[in-house]
PDB file of N, CA and C in Angstrom:
ATOM      1  N   MET A   1    -122.801 -68.776 -12.382  1.00  0.00           N
ATOM      2  CA  MET A   1    -121.885 -68.899 -11.265  1.00  0.00           C
ATOM      3  C   MET A   1    -122.266 -70.119 -10.437  1.00  0.00           C
ATOM      4  N   SER A   2    -121.305 -70.725  -9.853  1.00  0.00           N
ATOM      5  CA  SER A   2    -121.517 -71.944  -9.087  1.00  0.00           C
ATOM      6  C   SER A   2    -122.333 -71.700  -7.826  1.00  0.00           C
ATOM      7  N   ASP A   3    -123.036 -72.749  -7.409  1.00  0.00           N
ATOM      8  CA  ASP A   3    -123.786 -72.668  -6.162  1.00  0.00           C
ATOM      9  C   ASP A   3    -122.870 -72.780  -4.952  1.00  0.00           C
ATOM     10  N   ASN A   4    -121.663 -73.269  -5.148  1.00  0.00           N
ATOM     11  CA  ASN A   4    -120.750 -73.452  -4.025  1.00  0.00           C
ATOM     12  C   ASN A   4    -119.380 -72.872  -4.359  1.00  0.00           C
ATOM     13  N   ILE A   5    -119.339 -71.575  -4.503  1.00  0.00           N
ATOM     14  CA  ILE A   5    -118.114 -70.867  -4.887  1.00  0.00           C
ATOM     15  C   ILE A   5    -116.975 -71.177  -3.921  1.00  0.00           C
ATOM     16  N   MET A   6    -117.247 -71.046  -2.642  1.00  0.00           N
ATOM     17  CA  MET A   6    -116.190 -71.190  -1.647  1.00  0.00           C
ATOM     18  C   MET A   6    -115.720 -72.640  -1.514  1.00  0.00           C
ATOM     19  N   GLY A   7    -116.643 -73.590  -1.595  1.00  0.00           N
ATOM     20  CA  GLY A   7    -116.254 -74.998  -1.521  1.00  0.00           C
ATOM     21  C   GLY A   7    -115.371 -75.399  -2.688  1.00  0.00           C
ATOM     22  N   GLN A   8    -115.769 -74.987  -3.888  1.00  0.00           N
ATOM     23  CA  GLN A   8    -114.970 -75.289  -5.073  1.00  0.00           C
ATOM     24  C   GLN A   8    -113.612 -74.600  -5.004  1.00  0.00           C
ATOM     25  N   PHE A   9    -113.611 -73.349  -4.530  1.00  0.00           N
ATOM     26  CA  PHE A   9    -112.355 -72.623  -4.419  1.00  0.00           C
ATOM     27  C   PHE A   9    -111.395 -73.353  -3.474  1.00  0.00           C
ATOM     28  N   GLN A  10    -111.895 -73.744  -2.300  1.00  0.00           N
ATOM     29  CA  GLN A  10    -111.038 -74.394  -1.302  1.00  0.00           C
ATOM     30  C   GLN A  10    -110.490 -75.716  -1.831  1.00  0.00           C
ATOM     31  N   LYS A  11    -111.331 -76.480  -2.484  1.00  0.00           N
ATOM     32  CA  LYS A  11    -110.896 -77.770  -3.037  1.00  0.00           C
ATOM     33  C   LYS A  11    -109.807 -77.565  -4.092  1.00  0.00           C
ATOM     34  N   GLU A  12    -110.016 -76.612  -4.987  1.00  0.00           N
ATOM     35  CA  GLU A  12    -109.028 -76.339  -6.036  1.00  0.00           C
ATOM     36  C   GLU A  12    -107.733 -75.774  -5.451  1.00  0.00           C
ATOM     37  N   ARG A  13    -107.857 -74.930  -4.450  1.00  0.00           N
ATOM     38  CA  ARG A  13    -106.678 -74.356  -3.787  1.00  0.00           C
ATOM     39  C   ARG A  13    -105.831 -75.462  -3.156  1.00  0.00           C
ATOM     40  N   GLU A  14    -106.476 -76.378  -2.462  1.00  0.00           N
ATOM     41  CA  GLU A  14    -105.757 -77.491  -1.829  1.00  0.00           C
ATOM     42  C   GLU A  14    -105.083 -78.369  -2.881  1.00  0.00           C
ATOM     43  N   ARG A  15    -105.792 -78.659  -3.967  1.00  0.00           N
ATOM     44  CA  ARG A  15    -105.234 -79.483  -5.039  1.00  0.00           C
ATOM     45  C   ARG A  15    -103.992 -78.833  -5.645  1.00  0.00           C
ATOM     46  N   LEU A  16    -104.098 -77.549  -5.937  1.00  0.00           N
ATOM     47  CA  LEU A  16    -102.971 -76.847  -6.546  1.00  0.00           C
ATOM     48  C   LEU A  16    -101.803 -76.683  -5.571  1.00  0.00           C
ATOM     49  N   ASN A  17    -102.103 -76.440  -4.294  1.00  0.00           N
ATOM     50  CA  ASN A  17    -101.024 -76.333  -3.310  1.00  0.00           C
ATOM     51  C   ASN A  17    -100.238 -77.639  -3.186  1.00  0.00           C
ATOM     52  N   GLU A  18    -100.933 -78.774  -3.296  1.00  0.00           N
ATOM     53  CA  GLU A  18    -100.234 -80.061  -3.262  1.00  0.00           C
ATOM     54  C   GLU A  18     -99.252 -80.176  -4.429  1.00  0.00           C
ATOM     55  N   ILE A  19     -99.671 -79.724  -5.595  1.00  0.00           N
ATOM     56  CA  ILE A  19     -98.778 -79.770  -6.754  1.00  0.00           C
ATOM     57  C   ILE A  19     -97.589 -78.840  -6.546  1.00  0.00           C
ATOM     58  N   VAL A  20     -97.853 -77.625  -6.056  1.00  0.00           N
ATOM     59  CA  VAL A  20     -96.756 -76.679  -5.806  1.00  0.00           C
ATOM     60  C   VAL A  20     -95.749 -77.292  -4.840  1.00  0.00           C
ATOM     61  N   MET A  21     -96.238 -77.861  -3.737  1.00  0.00           N
ATOM     62  CA  MET A  21     -95.332 -78.420  -2.720  1.00  0.00           C
ATOM     63  C   MET A  21     -94.568 -79.630  -3.239  1.00  0.00           C
ATOM     64  N   LYS A  22     -95.102 -80.309  -4.224  1.00  0.00           N
ATOM     65  CA  LYS A  22     -94.401 -81.429  -4.850  1.00  0.00           C
ATOM     66  C   LYS A  22     -93.092 -80.959  -5.483  1.00  0.00           C
ATOM     67  N   TYR A  23     -93.104 -79.747  -6.028  1.00  0.00           N
ATOM     68  CA  TYR A  23     -91.942 -79.217  -6.736  1.00  0.00           C
ATOM     69  C   TYR A  23     -91.188 -78.142  -5.957  1.00  0.00           C
ATOM     70  N   ALA A  24     -91.764 -77.658  -4.882  1.00  0.00           N
ATOM     71  CA  ALA A  24     -91.201 -76.511  -4.163  1.00  0.00           C
ATOM     72  C   ALA A  24     -89.859 -76.829  -3.532  1.00  0.00           C
ATOM     73  N   GLY A  25     -88.959 -75.854  -3.673  1.00  0.00           N
ATOM     74  CA  GLY A  25     -87.683 -75.925  -2.988  1.00  0.00           C
ATOM     75  C   GLY A  25     -87.776 -75.213  -1.643  1.00  0.00           C
ATOM     76  N   LEU A  26     -86.659 -75.146  -0.969  1.00  0.00           N
ATOM     77  CA  LEU A  26     -86.607 -74.560   0.369  1.00  0.00           C
ATOM     78  C   LEU A  26     -87.115 -73.123   0.396  1.00  0.00           C
ATOM     79  N   GLU A  27     -86.717 -72.299  -0.566  1.00  0.00           N
ATOM     80  CA  GLU A  27     -87.123 -70.896  -0.573  1.00  0.00           C
ATOM     81  C   GLU A  27     -88.633 -70.748  -0.690  1.00  0.00           C
ATOM     82  N   MET A  28     -89.228 -71.529  -1.584  1.00  0.00           N
ATOM     83  CA  MET A  28     -90.681 -71.456  -1.761  1.00  0.00           C
ATOM     84  C   MET A  28     -91.400 -71.950  -0.504  1.00  0.00           C
ATOM     85  N   LYS A  29     -90.901 -73.017   0.089  1.00  0.00           N
ATOM     86  CA  LYS A  29     -91.505 -73.540   1.318  1.00  0.00           C
ATOM     87  C   LYS A  29     -91.372 -72.533   2.459  1.00  0.00           C
ATOM     88  N   ARG A  30     -90.275 -71.827   2.514  1.00  0.00           N
ATOM     89  CA  ARG A  30     -90.100 -70.794   3.541  1.00  0.00           C
ATOM     90  C   ARG A  30     -91.115 -69.670   3.365  1.00  0.00           C
ATOM     91  N   PHE A  31     -91.357 -69.283   2.119  1.00  0.00           N
ATOM     92  CA  PHE A  31     -92.347 -68.235   1.860  1.00  0.00           C
ATOM     93  C   PHE A  31     -93.724 -68.700   2.310  1.00  0.00           C
ATOM     94  N   TRP A  32     -94.110 -69.929   1.955  1.00  0.00           N
ATOM     95  CA  TRP A  32     -95.407 -70.476   2.362  1.00  0.00           C
ATOM     96  C   TRP A  32     -95.524 -70.453   3.885  1.00  0.00           C
ATOM     97  N   SER A  33     -94.447 -70.819   4.562  1.00  0.00           N
ATOM     98  CA  SER A  33     -94.455 -70.834   6.026  1.00  0.00           C
ATOM     99  C   SER A  33     -94.586 -69.423   6.589  1.00  0.00           C
ATOM    100  N   LEU A  34     -93.843 -68.491   6.050  1.00  0.00           N
ATOM    101  CA  LEU A  34     -93.904 -67.107   6.511  1.00  0.00           C
ATOM    102  C   LEU A  34     -95.303 -66.528   6.312  1.00  0.00           C
ATOM    103  N   ASP A  35     -95.918 -66.848   5.194  1.00  0.00           N
ATOM    104  CA  ASP A  35     -97.276 -66.378   4.924  1.00  0.00           C
ATOM    105  C   ASP A  35     -98.218 -66.831   6.035  1.00  0.00           C
ATOM    106  N   GLY A  36     -98.104 -68.060   6.454  1.00  0.00           N
ATOM    107  CA  GLY A  36     -98.948 -68.555   7.537  1.00  0.00           C
ATOM    108  C   GLY A  36     -98.626 -67.938   8.885  1.00  0.00           C
ATOM    109  N   GLN A  37     -97.357 -67.697   9.120  1.00  0.00           N
ATOM    110  CA  GLN A  37     -96.930 -67.176  10.419  1.00  0.00           C
ATOM    111  C   GLN A  37     -97.402 -65.758  10.691  1.00  0.00           C
ATOM    112  N   VAL A  38     -97.427 -64.908   9.676  1.00  0.00           N
ATOM    113  CA  VAL A  38     -97.785 -63.509   9.918  1.00  0.00           C
ATOM    114  C   VAL A  38     -99.249 -63.336  10.289  1.00  0.00           C
ATOM    115  N   TYR A  39    -100.081 -64.323   9.998  1.00  0.00           N
ATOM    116  CA  TYR A  39    -101.503 -64.229  10.331  1.00  0.00           C
ATOM    117  C   TYR A  39    -101.831 -64.836  11.694  1.00  0.00           C
ATOM    118  N   ARG A  40    -100.837 -65.285  12.428  1.00  0.00           N
ATOM    119  CA  ARG A  40    -101.071 -65.841  13.764  1.00  0.00           C
ATOM    120  C   ARG A  40    -101.410 -64.724  14.744  1.00  0.00           C
ATOM    121  N   ASP A  41    -102.073 -65.112  15.815  1.00  0.00           N
ATOM    122  CA  ASP A  41    -102.432 -64.173  16.859  1.00  0.00           C
ATOM    123  C   ASP A  41    -101.173 -63.515  17.431  1.00  0.00           C
ATOM    124  N   GLY A  42    -101.215 -62.229  17.643  1.00  0.00           N
ATOM    125  CA  GLY A  42    -100.096 -61.477  18.205  1.00  0.00           C
ATOM    126  C   GLY A  42    -100.631 -60.197  18.793  1.00  0.00           C
ATOM    127  N   ALA A  43     -99.890 -59.114  18.661  1.00  0.00           N
ATOM    128  CA  ALA A  43    -100.361 -57.812  19.140  1.00  0.00           C
ATOM    129  C   ALA A  43    -101.666 -57.439  18.428  1.00  0.00           C
ATOM    130  N   ILE A  44    -101.775 -57.870  17.183  1.00  0.00           N
ATOM    131  CA  ILE A  44    -103.027 -57.699  16.430  1.00  0.00           C
ATOM    132  C   ILE A  44    -103.706 -59.066  16.402  1.00  0.00           C
ATOM    133  N   PRO A  45    -104.966 -59.145  16.848  1.00  0.00           N
ATOM    134  CA  PRO A  45    -105.678 -60.430  16.826  1.00  0.00           C
ATOM    135  C   PRO A  45    -105.873 -60.949  15.398  1.00  0.00           C
ATOM    136  N   VAL A  46    -105.987 -62.273  15.278  1.00  0.00           N
ATOM    137  CA  VAL A  46    -106.136 -62.934  13.986  1.00  0.00           C
ATOM    138  C   VAL A  46    -107.283 -62.325  13.169  1.00  0.00           C
ATOM    139  N   LYS A  47    -108.390 -62.062  13.817  1.00  0.00           N
ATOM    140  CA  LYS A  47    -109.565 -61.513  13.130  1.00  0.00           C
ATOM    141  C   LYS A  47    -109.205 -60.241  12.357  1.00  0.00           C
ATOM    142  N   TYR A  48    -108.448 -59.372  12.969  1.00  0.00           N
ATOM    143  CA  TYR A  48    -108.089 -58.109  12.322  1.00  0.00           C
ATOM    144  C   TYR A  48    -106.997 -58.298  11.282  1.00  0.00           C
ATOM    145  N   LYS A  49    -106.124 -59.260  11.505  1.00  0.00           N
ATOM    146  CA  LYS A  49    -105.123 -59.564  10.489  1.00  0.00           C
ATOM    147  C   LYS A  49    -105.795 -60.082   9.221  1.00  0.00           C
ATOM    148  N   GLU A  50    -106.837 -60.886   9.392  1.00  0.00           N
ATOM    149  CA  GLU A  50    -107.555 -61.390   8.223  1.00  0.00           C
ATOM    150  C   GLU A  50    -108.271 -60.258   7.493  1.00  0.00           C
ATOM    151  N   LEU A  51    -108.832 -59.314   8.229  1.00  0.00           N
ATOM    152  CA  LEU A  51    -109.448 -58.147   7.585  1.00  0.00           C
ATOM    153  C   LEU A  51    -108.399 -57.325   6.836  1.00  0.00           C
ATOM    154  N   LEU A  52    -107.199 -57.203   7.414  1.00  0.00           N
ATOM    155  CA  LEU A  52    -106.108 -56.516   6.712  1.00  0.00           C
ATOM    156  C   LEU A  52    -105.728 -57.261   5.437  1.00  0.00           C
ATOM    157  N   GLY A  53    -105.619 -58.584   5.544  1.00  0.00           N
ATOM    158  CA  GLY A  53    -105.315 -59.391   4.362  1.00  0.00           C
ATOM    159  C   GLY A  53    -106.377 -59.242   3.286  1.00  0.00           C
ATOM    160  N   LEU A  54    -107.630 -59.195   3.720  1.00  0.00           N
ATOM    161  CA  LEU A  54    -108.731 -59.035   2.776  1.00  0.00           C
ATOM    162  C   LEU A  54    -108.661 -57.683   2.069  1.00  0.00           C
ATOM    163  N   THR A  55    -108.470 -56.617   2.823  1.00  0.00           N
ATOM    164  CA  THR A  55    -108.449 -55.293   2.192  1.00  0.00           C
ATOM    165  C   THR A  55    -107.270 -55.149   1.234  1.00  0.00           C
ATOM    166  N   THR A  56    -106.113 -55.632   1.627  1.00  0.00           N
ATOM    167  CA  THR A  56    -104.965 -55.510   0.722  1.00  0.00           C
ATOM    168  C   THR A  56    -105.142 -56.393  -0.508  1.00  0.00           C
ATOM    169  N   SER A  57    -105.733 -57.561  -0.326  1.00  0.00           N
ATOM    170  CA  SER A  57    -105.975 -58.437  -1.474  1.00  0.00           C
ATOM    171  C   SER A  57    -106.951 -57.812  -2.453  1.00  0.00           C
ATOM    172  N   LEU A  58    -107.963 -57.142  -1.933  1.00  0.00           N
ATOM    173  CA  LEU A  58    -108.926 -56.487  -2.814  1.00  0.00           C
ATOM    174  C   LEU A  58    -108.260 -55.352  -3.581  1.00  0.00           C
ATOM    175  N   VAL A  59    -107.454 -54.554  -2.900  1.00  0.00           N
ATOM    176  CA  VAL A  59    -106.746 -53.460  -3.570  1.00  0.00           C
ATOM    177  C   VAL A  59    -105.817 -54.007  -4.652  1.00  0.00           C
ATOM    178  N   LEU A  60    -105.177 -55.152  -4.368  1.00  0.00           N
ATOM    179  CA  LEU A  60    -104.291 -55.765  -5.354  1.00  0.00           C
ATOM    180  C   LEU A  60    -105.054 -56.548  -6.422  1.00  0.00           C
ATOM    181  N   ARG A  61    -106.366 -56.680  -6.247  1.00  0.00           N
ATOM    182  CA  ARG A  61    -107.253 -57.332  -7.204  1.00  0.00           C
ATOM    183  C   ARG A  61    -106.900 -58.801  -7.430  1.00  0.00           C
ATOM    184  N   CYS A  62    -106.628 -59.487  -6.332  1.00  0.00           N
ATOM    185  CA  CYS A  62    -106.332 -60.925  -6.382  1.00  0.00           C
ATOM    186  C   CYS A  62    -107.562 -61.686  -5.903  1.00  0.00           C
ATOM    187  N   ASP A  63    -108.369 -62.167  -6.837  1.00  0.00           N
ATOM    188  CA  ASP A  63    -109.614 -62.850  -6.467  1.00  0.00           C
ATOM    189  C   ASP A  63    -109.374 -64.094  -5.615  1.00  0.00           C
ATOM    190  N   ASP A  64    -108.331 -64.865  -5.915  1.00  0.00           N
ATOM    191  CA  ASP A  64    -108.041 -66.031  -5.077  1.00  0.00           C
ATOM    192  C   ASP A  64    -107.740 -65.601  -3.643  1.00  0.00           C
ATOM    193  N   CYS A  65    -106.946 -64.561  -3.491  1.00  0.00           N
ATOM    194  CA  CYS A  65    -106.608 -64.072  -2.148  1.00  0.00           C
ATOM    195  C   CYS A  65    -107.844 -63.526  -1.440  1.00  0.00           C
ATOM    196  N   VAL A  66    -108.680 -62.816  -2.172  1.00  0.00           N
ATOM    197  CA  VAL A  66    -109.909 -62.272  -1.599  1.00  0.00           C
ATOM    198  C   VAL A  66    -110.781 -63.418  -1.090  1.00  0.00           C
ATOM    199  N   LYS A  67    -110.970 -64.456  -1.902  1.00  0.00           N
ATOM    200  CA  LYS A  67    -111.782 -65.596  -1.472  1.00  0.00           C
ATOM    201  C   LYS A  67    -111.179 -66.269  -0.249  1.00  0.00           C
ATOM    202  N   TYR A  68    -109.872 -66.443  -0.254  1.00  0.00           N
ATOM    203  CA  TYR A  68    -109.221 -67.063   0.895  1.00  0.00           C
ATOM    204  C   TYR A  68    -109.501 -66.254   2.167  1.00  0.00           C
ATOM    205  N   HIS A  69    -109.292 -64.947   2.101  1.00  0.00           N
ATOM    206  CA  HIS A  69    -109.476 -64.112   3.297  1.00  0.00           C
ATOM    207  C   HIS A  69    -110.946 -63.955   3.672  1.00  0.00           C
ATOM    208  N   ILE A  70    -111.849 -64.000   2.690  1.00  0.00           N
ATOM    209  CA  ILE A  70    -113.281 -64.007   3.010  1.00  0.00           C
ATOM    210  C   ILE A  70    -113.586 -65.241   3.865  1.00  0.00           C
ATOM    211  N   GLY A  71    -113.078 -66.379   3.439  1.00  0.00           N
ATOM    212  CA  GLY A  71    -113.281 -67.608   4.204  1.00  0.00           C
ATOM    213  C   GLY A  71    -112.689 -67.538   5.591  1.00  0.00           C
ATOM    214  N   ARG A  72    -111.494 -66.982   5.692  1.00  0.00           N
ATOM    215  CA  ARG A  72    -110.844 -66.858   7.007  1.00  0.00           C
ATOM    216  C   ARG A  72    -111.592 -65.853   7.886  1.00  0.00           C
ATOM    217  N   CYS A  73    -112.072 -64.760   7.302  1.00  0.00           N
ATOM    218  CA  CYS A  73    -112.871 -63.795   8.074  1.00  0.00           C
ATOM    219  C   CYS A  73    -114.125 -64.468   8.615  1.00  0.00           C
ATOM    220  N   PHE A  74    -114.747 -65.284   7.802  1.00  0.00           N
ATOM    221  CA  PHE A  74    -115.922 -66.038   8.234  1.00  0.00           C
ATOM    222  C   PHE A  74    -115.553 -66.944   9.411  1.00  0.00           C
ATOM    223  N   ASP A  75    -114.446 -67.656   9.276  1.00  0.00           N
ATOM    224  CA  ASP A  75    -113.985 -68.558  10.347  1.00  0.00           C
ATOM    225  C   ASP A  75    -113.676 -67.799  11.643  1.00  0.00           C
ATOM    226  N   GLU A  76    -113.224 -66.560  11.507  1.00  0.00           N
ATOM    227  CA  GLU A  76    -112.851 -65.742  12.676  1.00  0.00           C
ATOM    228  C   GLU A  76    -114.024 -64.917  13.195  1.00  0.00           C
ATOM    229  N   ASN A  77    -115.228 -65.229  12.725  1.00  0.00           N
ATOM    230  CA  ASN A  77    -116.457 -64.575  13.206  1.00  0.00           C
ATOM    231  C   ASN A  77    -116.507 -63.068  12.972  1.00  0.00           C
ATOM    232  N   VAL A  78    -115.941 -62.644  11.846  1.00  0.00           N
ATOM    233  CA  VAL A  78    -116.093 -61.254  11.433  1.00  0.00           C
ATOM    234  C   VAL A  78    -117.575 -61.031  11.145  1.00  0.00           C
ATOM    235  N   THR A  79    -118.097 -59.900  11.564  1.00  0.00           N
ATOM    236  CA  THR A  79    -119.502 -59.596  11.283  1.00  0.00           C
ATOM    237  C   THR A  79    -119.624 -59.013   9.872  1.00  0.00           C
ATOM    238  N   SER A  80    -120.830 -59.041   9.356  1.00  0.00           N
ATOM    239  CA  SER A  80    -121.067 -58.442   8.040  1.00  0.00           C
ATOM    240  C   SER A  80    -120.766 -56.950   8.064  1.00  0.00           C
ATOM    241  N   GLU A  81    -121.047 -56.305   9.185  1.00  0.00           N
ATOM    242  CA  GLU A  81    -120.768 -54.868   9.319  1.00  0.00           C
ATOM    243  C   GLU A  81    -119.268 -54.601   9.306  1.00  0.00           C
ATOM    244  N   GLU A  82    -118.490 -55.425  10.002  1.00  0.00           N
ATOM    245  CA  GLU A  82    -117.029 -55.268   9.999  1.00  0.00           C
ATOM    246  C   GLU A  82    -116.474 -55.501   8.603  1.00  0.00           C
ATOM    247  N   LEU A  83    -116.985 -56.533   7.942  1.00  0.00           N
ATOM    248  CA  LEU A  83    -116.534 -56.838   6.588  1.00  0.00           C
ATOM    249  C   LEU A  83    -116.819 -55.677   5.646  1.00  0.00           C
ATOM    250  N   GLU A  84    -118.029 -55.138   5.727  1.00  0.00           N
ATOM    251  CA  GLU A  84    -118.401 -54.033   4.842  1.00  0.00           C
ATOM    252  C   GLU A  84    -117.511 -52.823   5.070  1.00  0.00           C
ATOM    253  N   GLU A  85    -117.198 -52.516   6.308  1.00  0.00           N
ATOM    254  CA  GLU A  85    -116.323 -51.363   6.576  1.00  0.00           C
ATOM    255  C   GLU A  85    -114.924 -51.598   6.033  1.00  0.00           C
ATOM    256  N   ALA A  86    -114.409 -52.805   6.195  1.00  0.00           N
ATOM    257  CA  ALA A  86    -113.075 -53.114   5.669  1.00  0.00           C
ATOM    258  C   ALA A  86    -113.068 -53.023   4.150  1.00  0.00           C
ATOM    259  N   LEU A  87    -114.107 -53.554   3.515  1.00  0.00           N
ATOM    260  CA  LEU A  87    -114.174 -53.495   2.052  1.00  0.00           C
ATOM    261  C   LEU A  87    -114.401 -52.070   1.548  1.00  0.00           C
ATOM    262  N   ALA A  88    -115.061 -51.248   2.339  1.00  0.00           N
ATOM    263  CA  ALA A  88    -115.223 -49.838   1.969  1.00  0.00           C
ATOM    264  C   ALA A  88    -113.863 -49.139   1.954  1.00  0.00           C
ATOM    265  N   ILE A  89    -113.010 -49.479   2.907  1.00  0.00           N
ATOM    266  CA  ILE A  89    -111.654 -48.914   2.921  1.00  0.00           C
ATOM    267  C   ILE A  89    -110.897 -49.366   1.679  1.00  0.00           C
ATOM    268  N   ALA A  90    -111.016 -50.643   1.336  1.00  0.00           N
ATOM    269  CA  ALA A  90    -110.343 -51.154   0.139  1.00  0.00           C
ATOM    270  C   ALA A  90    -110.838 -50.447  -1.122  1.00  0.00           C
ATOM    271  N   LEU A  91    -112.133 -50.188  -1.176  1.00  0.00           N
ATOM    272  CA  LEU A  91    -112.697 -49.480  -2.330  1.00  0.00           C
ATOM    273  C   LEU A  91    -112.135 -48.065  -2.428  1.00  0.00           C
ATOM    274  N   ILE A  92    -112.049 -47.369  -1.307  1.00  0.00           N
ATOM    275  CA  ILE A  92    -111.505 -46.006  -1.318  1.00  0.00           C
ATOM    276  C   ILE A  92    -110.039 -46.011  -1.742  1.00  0.00           C
ATOM    277  N   VAL A  93    -109.262 -46.949  -1.205  1.00  0.00           N
ATOM    278  CA  VAL A  93    -107.833 -47.006  -1.532  1.00  0.00           C
ATOM    279  C   VAL A  93    -107.622 -47.479  -2.969  1.00  0.00           C
ATOM    280  N   GLY A  94    -108.371 -48.506  -3.368  1.00  0.00           N
ATOM    281  CA  GLY A  94    -108.158 -49.106  -4.684  1.00  0.00           C
ATOM    282  C   GLY A  94    -108.899 -48.439  -5.824  1.00  0.00           C
ATOM    283  N   GLY A  95    -109.971 -47.739  -5.515  1.00  0.00           N
ATOM    284  CA  GLY A  95    -110.739 -47.054  -6.543  1.00  0.00           C
ATOM    285  C   GLY A  95    -111.733 -47.970  -7.237  1.00  0.00           C
ATOM    286  N   SER A  96    -112.396 -47.402  -8.227  1.00  0.00           N
ATOM    287  CA  SER A  96    -113.495 -48.102  -8.891  1.00  0.00           C
ATOM    288  C   SER A  96    -113.049 -49.368  -9.613  1.00  0.00           C
ATOM    289  N   ILE A  97    -111.766 -49.500  -9.923  1.00  0.00           N
ATOM    290  CA  ILE A  97    -111.293 -50.714 -10.600  1.00  0.00           C
ATOM    291  C   ILE A  97    -111.458 -51.947  -9.715  1.00  0.00           C
ATOM    292  N   THR A  98    -111.633 -51.744  -8.411  1.00  0.00           N
ATOM    293  CA  THR A  98    -111.815 -52.881  -7.495  1.00  0.00           C
ATOM    294  C   THR A  98    -113.268 -53.353  -7.427  1.00  0.00           C
ATOM    295  N   ILE A  99    -114.193 -52.632  -8.032  1.00  0.00           N
ATOM    296  CA  ILE A  99    -115.617 -52.966  -7.913  1.00  0.00           C
ATOM    297  C   ILE A  99    -115.940 -54.395  -8.367  1.00  0.00           C
ATOM    298  N   PRO A 100    -115.427 -54.886  -9.492  1.00  0.00           N
ATOM    299  CA  PRO A 100    -115.734 -56.277  -9.841  1.00  0.00           C
ATOM    300  C   PRO A 100    -115.276 -57.271  -8.770  1.00  0.00           C
ATOM    301  N   HIS A 101    -114.144 -57.003  -8.150  1.00  0.00           N
ATOM    302  CA  HIS A 101    -113.611 -57.874  -7.096  1.00  0.00           C
ATOM    303  C   HIS A 101    -114.447 -57.739  -5.828  1.00  0.00           C
ATOM    304  N   LEU A 102    -114.920 -56.540  -5.581  1.00  0.00           N
ATOM    305  CA  LEU A 102    -115.808 -56.281  -4.448  1.00  0.00           C
ATOM    306  C   LEU A 102    -117.112 -57.068  -4.603  1.00  0.00           C
ATOM    307  N   ARG A 103    -117.637 -57.084  -5.807  1.00  0.00           N
ATOM    308  CA  ARG A 103    -118.862 -57.851  -6.070  1.00  0.00           C
ATOM    309  C   ARG A 103    -118.665 -59.327  -5.754  1.00  0.00           C
ATOM    310  N   ARG A 104    -117.556 -59.879  -6.249  1.00  0.00           N
ATOM    311  CA  ARG A 104    -117.287 -61.296  -6.013  1.00  0.00           C
ATOM    312  C   ARG A 104    -117.020 -61.577  -4.536  1.00  0.00           C
ATOM    313  N   ALA A 105    -116.412 -60.623  -3.840  1.00  0.00           N
ATOM    314  CA  ALA A 105    -116.181 -60.790  -2.398  1.00  0.00           C
ATOM    315  C   ALA A 105    -117.508 -60.878  -1.652  1.00  0.00           C
ATOM    316  N   PHE A 106    -118.412 -59.973  -1.966  1.00  0.00           N
ATOM    317  CA  PHE A 106    -119.719 -60.011  -1.297  1.00  0.00           C
ATOM    318  C   PHE A 106    -120.528 -61.239  -1.699  1.00  0.00           C
ATOM    319  N   GLU A 107    -120.378 -61.697  -2.930  1.00  0.00           N
ATOM    320  CA  GLU A 107    -121.071 -62.915  -3.343  1.00  0.00           C
ATOM    321  C   GLU A 107    -120.589 -64.108  -2.508  1.00  0.00           C
ATOM    322  N   ALA A 108    -119.272 -64.215  -2.336  1.00  0.00           N
ATOM    323  CA  ALA A 108    -118.710 -65.306  -1.521  1.00  0.00           C
ATOM    324  C   ALA A 108    -119.176 -65.186  -0.076  1.00  0.00           C
ATOM    325  N   TRP A 109    -119.153 -63.964   0.464  1.00  0.00           N
ATOM    326  CA  TRP A 109    -119.599 -63.732   1.842  1.00  0.00           C
ATOM    327  C   TRP A 109    -121.072 -64.121   1.996  1.00  0.00           C
ATOM    328  N   ASP A 110    -121.880 -63.717   1.037  1.00  0.00           N
ATOM    329  CA  ASP A 110    -123.301 -64.021   1.083  1.00  0.00           C
ATOM    330  C   ASP A 110    -123.527 -65.534   1.099  1.00  0.00           C
ATOM    331  N   GLN A 111    -122.766 -66.238   0.296  1.00  0.00           N
ATOM    332  CA  GLN A 111    -122.888 -67.691   0.269  1.00  0.00           C
ATOM    333  C   GLN A 111    -122.539 -68.303   1.630  1.00  0.00           C
ATOM    334  N   LEU A 112    -121.470 -67.824   2.240  1.00  0.00           N
ATOM    335  CA  LEU A 112    -121.084 -68.328   3.556  1.00  0.00           C
ATOM    336  C   LEU A 112    -122.158 -68.014   4.590  1.00  0.00           C
ATOM    337  N   GLN A 113    -122.718 -66.830   4.525  1.00  0.00           N
ATOM    338  CA  GLN A 113    -123.770 -66.455   5.484  1.00  0.00           C
ATOM    339  C   GLN A 113    -124.985 -67.366   5.330  1.00  0.00           C
ATOM    340  N   LYS A 114    -125.346 -67.679   4.098  1.00  0.00           N
ATOM    341  CA  LYS A 114    -126.494 -68.566   3.850  1.00  0.00           C
ATOM    342  C   LYS A 114    -126.222 -69.967   4.384  1.00  0.00           C
ATOM    343  N   GLN A 115    -124.984 -70.428   4.273  1.00  0.00           N
ATOM    344  CA  GLN A 115    -124.625 -71.747   4.800  1.00  0.00           C
ATOM    345  C   GLN A 115    -124.710 -71.774   6.321  1.00  0.00           C
ATOM    346  N   ARG A 116    -124.424 -70.651   6.939  1.00  0.00           N
ATOM    347  CA  ARG A 116    -124.468 -70.549   8.397  1.00  0.00           C
ATOM    348  C   ARG A 116    -125.906 -70.630   8.911  1.00  0.00           C
ATOM    349  N   GLU A 117    -126.846 -70.098   8.134  1.00  0.00           N
ATOM    350  CA  GLU A 117    -128.260 -70.042   8.552  1.00  0.00           C
ATOM    351  C   GLU A 117    -128.898 -71.359   8.535  1.00  0.00           C
TER     352      GLU A 117
END
């Protein structure tokens, strides 16, 4: 596994998004915009919206989405304890099939924590 999982992920995500936007029509661009808008601060603070995004992504077993939300949770100063509780909920809802994704989520989180130190 790479020493910089999150850095490589972000770089590849940006590269691929540029290609998508090169070909995207209005409907696709609207979806991209809506995706960004729902995570803005509102009645529910951004930090908790990112935890919601993380738990649903884990249940849906989308590793790219999990990595994205792990990074956003880190940016929003989610604590390791908050993250663990959110991922525990995802595990209960999603069942044991989510365990491989849970492992990768904690690996990414651990890497971010080490970078912070």
